[in-house]
Amino acid sequence: MSKNTKQTSEKMATLAAETFGNPKASAIAKSLAASALAQSGTDKQTSAEMEAKAGKALHSDKYSDETKALAASVLSQSNKERRS
């Protein structure tokens, strides 16, 4: 199985931590933030479930730019074979 060696950047990890701790953040934003934080400093890859959530967030007009940035970060760390 092909591995994606990308990791969450420090900038994205900071955004994720701020989002995760924000009581006003949406459930999907917190979910994406948790996924990004879990992948920070590790070689963990995004699950298929999180790929789907991130994809929906990116294609929706109702989410903020910050949520979409987290979604893009999470998708960039997905399994290369699933993305093919």
PDB file of N, CA and C in Angstrom:
ATOM      1  N   MET A   1       0.836  -1.178   0.000  1.00  0.00           N
ATOM      2  CA  MET A   1       0.000   0.000   0.000  1.00  0.00           C
ATOM      3  C   MET A   1       0.883   1.244   0.000  1.00  0.00           C
ATOM      4  N   SER A   2       0.532   2.212  -0.802  1.00  0.00           N
ATOM      5  CA  SER A   2       1.277   3.452  -0.909  1.00  0.00           C
ATOM      6  C   SER A   2       1.024   4.331   0.310  1.00  0.00           C
ATOM      7  N   LYS A   3       2.087   4.930   0.822  1.00  0.00           N
ATOM      8  CA  LYS A   3       1.967   5.808   1.985  1.00  0.00           C
ATOM      9  C   LYS A   3       2.064   7.255   1.556  1.00  0.00           C
ATOM     10  N   ASN A   4       1.305   8.105   2.203  1.00  0.00           N
ATOM     11  CA  ASN A   4       1.421   9.535   2.018  1.00  0.00           C
ATOM     12  C   ASN A   4       2.227  10.044   3.203  1.00  0.00           C
ATOM     13  N   THR A   5       3.373  10.618   2.955  1.00  0.00           N
ATOM     14  CA  THR A   5       4.255  11.039   4.032  1.00  0.00           C
ATOM     15  C   THR A   5       4.066  12.494   4.437  1.00  0.00           C
ATOM     16  N   LYS A   6       3.073  13.157   3.877  1.00  0.00           N
ATOM     17  CA  LYS A   6       2.816  14.548   4.250  1.00  0.00           C
ATOM     18  C   LYS A   6       2.340  14.612   5.693  1.00  0.00           C
ATOM     19  N   GLN A   7       2.682  15.717   6.360  1.00  0.00           N
ATOM     20  CA  GLN A   7       2.253  15.943   7.736  1.00  0.00           C
ATOM     21  C   GLN A   7       1.616  17.323   7.836  1.00  0.00           C
ATOM     22  N   THR A   8       0.808  17.500   8.860  1.00  0.00           N
ATOM     23  CA  THR A   8       0.181  18.789   9.108  1.00  0.00           C
ATOM     24  C   THR A   8       1.268  19.820   9.403  1.00  0.00           C
ATOM     25  N   SER A   9       1.210  20.945   8.718  1.00  0.00           N
ATOM     26  CA  SER A   9       2.190  22.010   8.947  1.00  0.00           C
ATOM     27  C   SER A   9       1.944  22.664  10.306  1.00  0.00           C
ATOM     28  N   GLU A  10       2.940  23.393  10.767  1.00  0.00           N
ATOM     29  CA  GLU A  10       2.795  24.092  12.041  1.00  0.00           C
ATOM     30  C   GLU A  10       1.654  25.111  11.976  1.00  0.00           C
ATOM     31  N   LYS A  11       1.544  25.793  10.843  1.00  0.00           N
ATOM     32  CA  LYS A  11       0.467  26.780  10.666  1.00  0.00           C
ATOM     33  C   LYS A  11      -0.901  26.114  10.743  1.00  0.00           C
ATOM     34  N   MET A  12      -1.056  24.980  10.070  1.00  0.00           N
ATOM     35  CA  MET A  12      -2.340  24.262  10.099  1.00  0.00           C
ATOM     36  C   MET A  12      -2.596  23.661  11.477  1.00  0.00           C
ATOM     37  N   ALA A  13      -1.550  23.199  12.140  1.00  0.00           N
ATOM     38  CA  ALA A  13      -1.713  22.642  13.489  1.00  0.00           C
ATOM     39  C   ALA A  13      -2.190  23.723  14.455  1.00  0.00           C
ATOM     40  N   THR A  14      -1.659  24.934  14.286  1.00  0.00           N
ATOM     41  CA  THR A  14      -2.092  26.054  15.133  1.00  0.00           C
ATOM     42  C   THR A  14      -3.557  26.378  14.862  1.00  0.00           C
ATOM     43  N   LEU A  15      -3.934  26.458  13.590  1.00  0.00           N
ATOM     44  CA  LEU A  15      -5.334  26.717  13.232  1.00  0.00           C
ATOM     45  C   LEU A  15      -6.229  25.609  13.779  1.00  0.00           C
ATOM     46  N   ALA A  16      -5.783  24.369  13.654  1.00  0.00           N
ATOM     47  CA  ALA A  16      -6.569  23.238  14.144  1.00  0.00           C
ATOM     48  C   ALA A  16      -6.767  23.315  15.657  1.00  0.00           C
ATOM     49  N   ALA A  17      -5.715  23.652  16.382  1.00  0.00           N
ATOM     50  CA  ALA A  17      -5.816  23.756  17.838  1.00  0.00           C
ATOM     51  C   ALA A  17      -6.774  24.875  18.247  1.00  0.00           C
ATOM     52  N   GLU A  18      -6.676  26.003  17.548  1.00  0.00           N
ATOM     53  CA  GLU A  18      -7.584  27.126  17.837  1.00  0.00           C
ATOM     54  C   GLU A  18      -9.028  26.748  17.530  1.00  0.00           C
ATOM     55  N   THR A  19      -9.239  26.075  16.418  1.00  0.00           N
ATOM     56  CA  THR A  19     -10.583  25.659  16.015  1.00  0.00           C
ATOM     57  C   THR A  19     -11.143  24.645  17.000  1.00  0.00           C
ATOM     58  N   PHE A  20     -10.321  23.670  17.362  1.00  0.00           N
ATOM     59  CA  PHE A  20     -10.776  22.611  18.271  1.00  0.00           C
ATOM     60  C   PHE A  20     -11.177  23.186  19.626  1.00  0.00           C
ATOM     61  N   GLY A  21     -10.497  24.234  20.051  1.00  0.00           N
ATOM     62  CA  GLY A  21     -10.805  24.850  21.343  1.00  0.00           C
ATOM     63  C   GLY A  21     -11.874  25.924  21.292  1.00  0.00           C
ATOM     64  N   ASN A  22     -12.390  26.223  20.107  1.00  0.00           N
ATOM     65  CA  ASN A  22     -13.386  27.274  19.942  1.00  0.00           C
ATOM     66  C   ASN A  22     -14.791  26.709  20.142  1.00  0.00           C
ATOM     67  N   PRO A  23     -15.494  27.157  21.183  1.00  0.00           N
ATOM     68  CA  PRO A  23     -16.844  26.624  21.430  1.00  0.00           C
ATOM     69  C   PRO A  23     -17.857  26.982  20.337  1.00  0.00           C
ATOM     70  N   LYS A  24     -17.536  27.972  19.514  1.00  0.00           N
ATOM     71  CA  LYS A  24     -18.445  28.385  18.436  1.00  0.00           C
ATOM     72  C   LYS A  24     -18.158  27.675  17.115  1.00  0.00           C
ATOM     73  N   ALA A  25     -17.094  26.900  17.059  1.00  0.00           N
ATOM     74  CA  ALA A  25     -16.743  26.190  15.822  1.00  0.00           C
ATOM     75  C   ALA A  25     -17.772  25.100  15.535  1.00  0.00           C
ATOM     76  N   SER A  26     -18.031  24.879  14.265  1.00  0.00           N
ATOM     77  CA  SER A  26     -18.992  23.846  13.859  1.00  0.00           C
ATOM     78  C   SER A  26     -18.441  22.458  14.153  1.00  0.00           C
ATOM     79  N   ALA A  27     -19.340  21.493  14.173  1.00  0.00           N
ATOM     80  CA  ALA A  27     -18.936  20.106  14.438  1.00  0.00           C
ATOM     81  C   ALA A  27     -17.976  19.601  13.365  1.00  0.00           C
ATOM     82  N   ILE A  28     -18.224  19.941  12.111  1.00  0.00           N
ATOM     83  CA  ILE A  28     -17.333  19.469  11.049  1.00  0.00           C
ATOM     84  C   ILE A  28     -15.965  20.139  11.159  1.00  0.00           C
ATOM     85  N   ALA A  29     -15.928  21.422  11.537  1.00  0.00           N
ATOM     86  CA  ALA A  29     -14.655  22.114  11.716  1.00  0.00           C
ATOM     87  C   ALA A  29     -13.841  21.450  12.823  1.00  0.00           C
ATOM     88  N   LYS A  30     -14.516  21.109  13.913  1.00  0.00           N
ATOM     89  CA  LYS A  30     -13.815  20.440  15.021  1.00  0.00           C
ATOM     90  C   LYS A  30     -13.350  19.048  14.618  1.00  0.00           C
ATOM     91  N   SER A  31     -14.129  18.358  13.843  1.00  0.00           N
ATOM     92  CA  SER A  31     -13.759  17.029  13.373  1.00  0.00           C
ATOM     93  C   SER A  31     -12.534  17.102  12.462  1.00  0.00           C
ATOM     94  N   LEU A  32     -12.528  18.049  11.554  1.00  0.00           N
ATOM     95  CA  LEU A  32     -11.382  18.246  10.660  1.00  0.00           C
ATOM     96  C   LEU A  32     -10.155  18.681  11.450  1.00  0.00           C
ATOM     97  N   ALA A  33     -10.370  19.546  12.439  1.00  0.00           N
ATOM     98  CA  ALA A  33      -9.268  20.000  13.286  1.00  0.00           C
ATOM     99  C   ALA A  33      -8.654  18.833  14.049  1.00  0.00           C
ATOM    100  N   ALA A  34      -9.498  17.977  14.582  1.00  0.00           N
ATOM    101  CA  ALA A  34      -9.007  16.808  15.319  1.00  0.00           C
ATOM    102  C   ALA A  34      -8.192  15.898  14.412  1.00  0.00           C
ATOM    103  N   SER A  35      -8.656  15.707  13.194  1.00  0.00           N
ATOM    104  CA  SER A  35      -7.929  14.869  12.240  1.00  0.00           C
ATOM    105  C   SER A  35      -6.580  15.489  11.900  1.00  0.00           C
ATOM    106  N   ALA A  36      -6.564  16.789  11.659  1.00  0.00           N
ATOM    107  CA  ALA A  36      -5.303  17.471  11.336  1.00  0.00           C
ATOM    108  C   ALA A  36      -4.326  17.381  12.506  1.00  0.00           C
ATOM    109  N   LEU A  37      -4.826  17.569  13.720  1.00  0.00           N
ATOM    110  CA  LEU A  37      -3.955  17.478  14.895  1.00  0.00           C
ATOM    111  C   LEU A  37      -3.424  16.065  15.085  1.00  0.00           C
ATOM    112  N   ALA A  38      -4.242  15.074  14.827  1.00  0.00           N
ATOM    113  CA  ALA A  38      -3.811  13.679  14.978  1.00  0.00           C
ATOM    114  C   ALA A  38      -2.696  13.340  13.994  1.00  0.00           C
ATOM    115  N   GLN A  39      -2.647  14.055  12.874  1.00  0.00           N
ATOM    116  CA  GLN A  39      -1.654  13.784  11.839  1.00  0.00           C
ATOM    117  C   GLN A  39      -0.423  14.678  11.954  1.00  0.00           C
ATOM    118  N   SER A  40      -0.430  15.566  12.921  1.00  0.00           N
ATOM    119  CA  SER A  40       0.696  16.470  13.107  1.00  0.00           C
ATOM    120  C   SER A  40       1.870  15.725  13.733  1.00  0.00           C
ATOM    121  N   GLY A  41       2.984  15.738  13.043  1.00  0.00           N
ATOM    122  CA  GLY A  41       4.181  15.095  13.570  1.00  0.00           C
ATOM    123  C   GLY A  41       4.176  13.577  13.493  1.00  0.00           C
ATOM    124  N   THR A  42       3.262  13.009  12.715  1.00  0.00           N
ATOM    125  CA  THR A  42       3.187  11.550  12.567  1.00  0.00           C
ATOM    126  C   THR A  42       3.059  11.200  11.087  1.00  0.00           C
ATOM    127  N   ASP A  43       3.076   9.913  10.791  1.00  0.00           N
ATOM    128  CA  ASP A  43       2.844   9.495   9.407  1.00  0.00           C
ATOM    129  C   ASP A  43       1.442   8.920   9.228  1.00  0.00           C
ATOM    130  N   LYS A  44       0.534   9.280  10.143  1.00  0.00           N
ATOM    131  CA  LYS A  44      -0.849   8.822  10.009  1.00  0.00           C
ATOM    132  C   LYS A  44      -1.467   9.415   8.756  1.00  0.00           C
ATOM    133  N   GLN A  45      -2.406   8.680   8.178  1.00  0.00           N
ATOM    134  CA  GLN A  45      -3.102   9.139   6.982  1.00  0.00           C
ATOM    135  C   GLN A  45      -4.579   9.356   7.288  1.00  0.00           C
ATOM    136  N   THR A  46      -5.191  10.174   6.481  1.00  0.00           N
ATOM    137  CA  THR A  46      -6.614  10.474   6.609  1.00  0.00           C
ATOM    138  C   THR A  46      -7.450   9.243   6.288  1.00  0.00           C
ATOM    139  N   SER A  47      -8.465   9.002   7.110  1.00  0.00           N
ATOM    140  CA  SER A  47      -9.367   7.873   6.870  1.00  0.00           C
ATOM    141  C   SER A  47     -10.312   8.200   5.721  1.00  0.00           C
ATOM    142  N   ALA A  48     -10.917   7.168   5.178  1.00  0.00           N
ATOM    143  CA  ALA A  48     -11.882   7.354   4.086  1.00  0.00           C
ATOM    144  C   ALA A  48     -13.060   8.212   4.556  1.00  0.00           C
ATOM    145  N   GLU A  49     -13.479   8.018   5.794  1.00  0.00           N
ATOM    146  CA  GLU A  49     -14.596   8.799   6.343  1.00  0.00           C
ATOM    147  C   GLU A  49     -14.234  10.288   6.405  1.00  0.00           C
ATOM    148  N   MET A  50     -13.022  10.588   6.859  1.00  0.00           N
ATOM    149  CA  MET A  50     -12.600  11.986   6.942  1.00  0.00           C
ATOM    150  C   MET A  50     -12.371  12.577   5.550  1.00  0.00           C
ATOM    151  N   GLU A  51     -11.919  11.761   4.609  1.00  0.00           N
ATOM    152  CA  GLU A  51     -11.786  12.235   3.229  1.00  0.00           C
ATOM    153  C   GLU A  51     -13.143  12.706   2.708  1.00  0.00           C
ATOM    154  N   ALA A  52     -14.172  11.929   2.975  1.00  0.00           N
ATOM    155  CA  ALA A  52     -15.517  12.282   2.515  1.00  0.00           C
ATOM    156  C   ALA A  52     -16.002  13.570   3.168  1.00  0.00           C
ATOM    157  N   LYS A  53     -15.792  13.698   4.484  1.00  0.00           N
ATOM    158  CA  LYS A  53     -16.205  14.926   5.188  1.00  0.00           C
ATOM    159  C   LYS A  53     -15.458  16.140   4.643  1.00  0.00           C
ATOM    160  N   ALA A  54     -14.170  15.988   4.451  1.00  0.00           N
ATOM    161  CA  ALA A  54     -13.354  17.095   3.961  1.00  0.00           C
ATOM    162  C   ALA A  54     -13.787  17.500   2.556  1.00  0.00           C
ATOM    163  N   GLY A  55     -14.060  16.516   1.717  1.00  0.00           N
ATOM    164  CA  GLY A  55     -14.518  16.808   0.363  1.00  0.00           C
ATOM    165  C   GLY A  55     -15.826  17.573   0.360  1.00  0.00           C
ATOM    166  N   LYS A  56     -16.751  17.171   1.214  1.00  0.00           N
ATOM    167  CA  LYS A  56     -18.039  17.877   1.297  1.00  0.00           C
ATOM    168  C   LYS A  56     -17.846  19.310   1.770  1.00  0.00           C
ATOM    169  N   ALA A  57     -16.958  19.495   2.755  1.00  0.00           N
ATOM    170  CA  ALA A  57     -16.702  20.843   3.273  1.00  0.00           C
ATOM    171  C   ALA A  57     -16.115  21.741   2.193  1.00  0.00           C
ATOM    172  N   LEU A  58     -15.205  21.199   1.415  1.00  0.00           N
ATOM    173  CA  LEU A  58     -14.583  22.001   0.352  1.00  0.00           C
ATOM    174  C   LEU A  58     -15.572  22.403  -0.734  1.00  0.00           C
ATOM    175  N   HIS A  59     -16.562  21.577  -0.986  1.00  0.00           N
ATOM    176  CA  HIS A  59     -17.515  21.855  -2.065  1.00  0.00           C
ATOM    177  C   HIS A  59     -18.768  22.591  -1.592  1.00  0.00           C
ATOM    178  N   SER A  60     -18.817  22.941  -0.319  1.00  0.00           N
ATOM    179  CA  SER A  60     -19.985  23.619   0.225  1.00  0.00           C
ATOM    180  C   SER A  60     -19.702  25.108   0.416  1.00  0.00           C
ATOM    181  N   ASP A  61     -20.706  25.919   0.172  1.00  0.00           N
ATOM    182  CA  ASP A  61     -20.572  27.362   0.372  1.00  0.00           C
ATOM    183  C   ASP A  61     -20.812  27.768   1.820  1.00  0.00           C
ATOM    184  N   LYS A  62     -21.271  26.850   2.655  1.00  0.00           N
ATOM    185  CA  LYS A  62     -21.648  27.239   4.018  1.00  0.00           C
ATOM    186  C   LYS A  62     -20.505  27.204   5.025  1.00  0.00           C
ATOM    187  N   TYR A  63     -19.325  26.717   4.616  1.00  0.00           N
ATOM    188  CA  TYR A  63     -18.202  26.636   5.556  1.00  0.00           C
ATOM    189  C   TYR A  63     -17.218  27.769   5.351  1.00  0.00           C
ATOM    190  N   SER A  64     -16.584  28.175   6.445  1.00  0.00           N
ATOM    191  CA  SER A  64     -15.631  29.288   6.424  1.00  0.00           C
ATOM    192  C   SER A  64     -14.345  28.906   5.698  1.00  0.00           C
ATOM    193  N   ASP A  65     -13.564  29.928   5.388  1.00  0.00           N
ATOM    194  CA  ASP A  65     -12.268  29.694   4.753  1.00  0.00           C
ATOM    195  C   ASP A  65     -11.358  28.863   5.658  1.00  0.00           C
ATOM    196  N   GLU A  66     -11.460  29.071   6.964  1.00  0.00           N
ATOM    197  CA  GLU A  66     -10.642  28.314   7.908  1.00  0.00           C
ATOM    198  C   GLU A  66     -11.010  26.828   7.880  1.00  0.00           C
ATOM    199  N   THR A  67     -12.312  26.544   7.845  1.00  0.00           N
ATOM    200  CA  THR A  67     -12.763  25.153   7.776  1.00  0.00           C
ATOM    201  C   THR A  67     -12.298  24.518   6.471  1.00  0.00           C
ATOM    202  N   LYS A  68     -12.384  25.265   5.389  1.00  0.00           N
ATOM    203  CA  LYS A  68     -11.933  24.735   4.100  1.00  0.00           C
ATOM    204  C   LYS A  68     -10.422  24.518   4.077  1.00  0.00           C
ATOM    205  N   ALA A  69      -9.673  25.371   4.759  1.00  0.00           N
ATOM    206  CA  ALA A  69      -8.213  25.186   4.838  1.00  0.00           C
ATOM    207  C   ALA A  69      -7.898  23.894   5.590  1.00  0.00           C
ATOM    208  N   LEU A  70      -8.620  23.641   6.677  1.00  0.00           N
ATOM    209  CA  LEU A  70      -8.422  22.392   7.416  1.00  0.00           C
ATOM    210  C   LEU A  70      -8.799  21.196   6.547  1.00  0.00           C
ATOM    211  N   ALA A  71      -9.889  21.326   5.809  1.00  0.00           N
ATOM    212  CA  ALA A  71     -10.329  20.237   4.929  1.00  0.00           C
ATOM    213  C   ALA A  71      -9.265  19.935   3.878  1.00  0.00           C
ATOM    214  N   ALA A  72      -8.689  20.972   3.304  1.00  0.00           N
ATOM    215  CA  ALA A  72      -7.656  20.781   2.289  1.00  0.00           C
ATOM    216  C   ALA A  72      -6.419  20.109   2.888  1.00  0.00           C
ATOM    217  N   SER A  73      -6.065  20.516   4.095  1.00  0.00           N
ATOM    218  CA  SER A  73      -4.916  19.901   4.767  1.00  0.00           C
ATOM    219  C   SER A  73      -5.165  18.423   5.019  1.00  0.00           C
ATOM    220  N   VAL A  74      -6.344  18.109   5.504  1.00  0.00           N
ATOM    221  CA  VAL A  74      -6.700  16.713   5.781  1.00  0.00           C
ATOM    222  C   VAL A  74      -6.683  15.894   4.486  1.00  0.00           C
ATOM    223  N   LEU A  75      -7.238  16.444   3.405  1.00  0.00           N
ATOM    224  CA  LEU A  75      -7.252  15.723   2.128  1.00  0.00           C
ATOM    225  C   LEU A  75      -5.854  15.516   1.565  1.00  0.00           C
ATOM    226  N   SER A  76      -4.969  16.456   1.808  1.00  0.00           N
ATOM    227  CA  SER A  76      -3.613  16.318   1.276  1.00  0.00           C
ATOM    228  C   SER A  76      -2.861  15.167   1.940  1.00  0.00           C
ATOM    229  N   GLN A  77      -3.382  14.705   3.070  1.00  0.00           N
ATOM    230  CA  GLN A  77      -2.735  13.617   3.798  1.00  0.00           C
ATOM    231  C   GLN A  77      -3.476  12.290   3.642  1.00  0.00           C
ATOM    232  N   SER A  78      -4.312  12.219   2.631  1.00  0.00           N
ATOM    233  CA  SER A  78      -5.083  10.996   2.413  1.00  0.00           C
ATOM    234  C   SER A  78      -4.240   9.918   1.753  1.00  0.00           C
ATOM    235  N   ASN A  79      -4.754   8.722   1.771  1.00  0.00           N
ATOM    236  CA  ASN A  79      -4.075   7.566   1.175  1.00  0.00           C
ATOM    237  C   ASN A  79      -4.031   7.741  -0.333  1.00  0.00           C
ATOM    238  N   LYS A  80      -2.842   7.688  -0.906  1.00  0.00           N
ATOM    239  CA  LYS A  80      -2.675   7.920  -2.345  1.00  0.00           C
ATOM    240  C   LYS A  80      -3.456   6.914  -3.185  1.00  0.00           C
ATOM    241  N   GLU A  81      -3.539   5.685  -2.744  1.00  0.00           N
ATOM    242  CA  GLU A  81      -4.253   4.655  -3.515  1.00  0.00           C
ATOM    243  C   GLU A  81      -5.750   4.908  -3.541  1.00  0.00           C
ATOM    244  N   ARG A  82      -6.299   5.468  -2.455  1.00  0.00           N
ATOM    245  CA  ARG A  82      -7.730   5.767  -2.434  1.00  0.00           C
ATOM    246  C   ARG A  82      -8.042   6.947  -3.330  1.00  0.00           C
ATOM    247  N   ARG A  83      -7.097   7.858  -3.500  1.00  0.00           N
ATOM    248  CA  ARG A  83      -7.329   9.047  -4.314  1.00  0.00           C
ATOM    249  C   ARG A  83      -7.250   8.736  -5.794  1.00  0.00           C
ATOM    250  N   SER A  84      -6.704   7.649  -6.171  1.00  0.00           N
ATOM    251  CA  SER A  84      -6.518   7.322  -7.598  1.00  0.00           C
ATOM    252  C   SER A  84      -7.822   7.029  -8.284  1.00  0.00           C
TER     253      SER A  84
END
